[in-house]
């Protein structure tokens, strides 16, 4: 592993690292106390959530809905740049 690929965390930080062609790496904070406990709880919750197929499906639907709204807003924004001109021939 190159120095650029190494992850440097403080004692109060934690991480889940996902790399190509390898299992996820989980780093829990070493610090004891509220801040370390909060990070450990968050990491545990994320791991739990990943195992919940119903949550993953629901989240996928949620992301799809958000993307639809973003696409809809982009279309509206592009359309708002055009001016309709009365081209009625007499």
Protein backbone atom coordinates (compact mmCIF):
# COMPACT_ATOMS: atom_id res chain seq x y z
CA UNK A 1 0.00 0.00 0.00
CA UNK A 2 1.34 3.42 -0.99
CA UNK A 3 1.63 6.20 1.56
CA UNK A 4 -1.12 7.97 -0.40
CA UNK A 5 -3.50 5.04 0.25
CA UNK A 6 -2.90 4.91 4.00
CA UNK A 7 -5.68 6.23 6.14
CA UNK A 8 -4.68 8.35 9.12
CA UNK A 9 -7.26 8.70 11.88
CA UNK A 10 -7.06 10.39 15.22
CA UNK A 11 -8.00 8.47 18.39
CA UNK A 12 -11.52 9.92 18.20
CA UNK A 13 -12.17 9.12 14.52
CA UNK A 14 -13.56 6.01 12.92
CA UNK A 15 -14.12 4.86 9.35
CA UNK A 16 -15.49 2.19 7.07
CA UNK A 17 -13.19 1.83 4.06
CA UNK A 18 -14.37 0.08 0.92
CA UNK A 19 -11.70 -0.72 -1.66
CA UNK A 20 -11.89 -2.49 -4.99
CA UNK A 21 -11.64 -6.27 -4.76
CA UNK A 22 -11.42 -6.46 -0.97
CA UNK A 23 -13.59 -6.75 2.11
CA UNK A 24 -14.65 -3.52 3.84
CA UNK A 25 -12.28 -2.36 6.56
CA UNK A 26 -13.76 -1.01 9.79
CA UNK A 27 -11.78 1.26 12.07
CA UNK A 28 -13.35 2.11 15.42
CA UNK A 29 -12.07 5.04 17.47
CA UNK A 30 -9.67 4.29 20.31
CA UNK A 31 -10.88 7.19 22.44
CA UNK A 32 -13.11 6.41 25.41
CA UNK A 33 -15.92 8.85 26.09
CA UNK A 34 -18.89 10.49 24.43
CA UNK A 35 -17.20 11.38 21.15
CA UNK A 36 -15.67 7.91 20.64
CA UNK A 37 -18.91 6.23 21.71
CA UNK A 38 -20.86 8.35 19.23
CA UNK A 39 -18.61 7.31 16.34
CA UNK A 40 -18.72 3.64 17.41
CA UNK A 41 -22.53 3.79 17.58
CA UNK A 42 -22.70 5.34 14.10
CA UNK A 43 -20.41 2.66 12.65
CA UNK A 44 -22.46 -0.08 14.32
CA UNK A 45 -25.70 1.41 13.00
CA UNK A 46 -24.33 1.58 9.44
CA UNK A 47 -23.23 -2.06 9.60
CA UNK A 48 -26.66 -3.05 10.94
CA UNK A 49 -28.45 -1.02 8.27
CA UNK A 50 -26.47 -2.68 5.48
CA UNK A 51 -27.71 -6.07 6.64
CA UNK A 52 -31.36 -4.96 6.53
CA UNK A 53 -32.43 -5.75 2.98
CA UNK A 54 -35.79 -4.03 3.51
CA UNK A 55 -33.98 -0.84 4.59
CA UNK A 56 -31.62 -1.02 1.63
CA UNK A 57 -34.58 -1.39 -0.77
CA UNK A 58 -36.45 1.45 0.92
CA UNK A 59 -33.37 3.65 0.76
CA UNK A 60 -32.96 2.82 -2.94
CA UNK A 61 -36.55 3.94 -3.53
CA UNK A 62 -35.89 7.13 -1.54
CA UNK A 63 -32.78 7.93 -3.61
CA UNK A 64 -34.73 7.25 -6.81
CA UNK A 65 -37.46 9.66 -5.72
CA UNK A 66 -34.88 12.34 -4.91
CA UNK A 67 -33.22 11.85 -8.30
CA UNK A 68 -36.58 12.19 -10.05
CA UNK A 69 -37.18 15.49 -8.23
CA UNK A 70 -33.70 16.75 -9.15
CA UNK A 71 -34.28 15.80 -12.80
CA UNK A 72 -37.69 17.49 -12.74
CA UNK A 73 -36.20 20.67 -11.25
CA UNK A 74 -33.41 20.69 -13.86
CA UNK A 75 -35.97 20.43 -16.65
CA UNK A 76 -38.02 23.27 -15.14
CA UNK A 77 -34.88 25.41 -14.79
CA UNK A 78 -33.91 24.81 -18.42
CA UNK A 79 -37.43 25.55 -19.64
CA UNK A 80 -37.57 28.78 -17.64
CA UNK A 81 -34.72 30.15 -19.77
CA UNK A 82 -36.90 30.12 -22.87
CA UNK A 83 -39.32 32.85 -23.75
CA UNK A 84 -42.52 32.04 -25.59
CA UNK A 85 -43.09 34.44 -28.47
CA UNK A 86 -46.52 34.93 -29.99
CA UNK A 87 -45.97 33.83 -33.57
CA UNK A 88 -49.56 34.17 -34.69
CA UNK A 89 -49.74 34.95 -38.40
CA UNK A 90 -52.43 37.41 -39.53
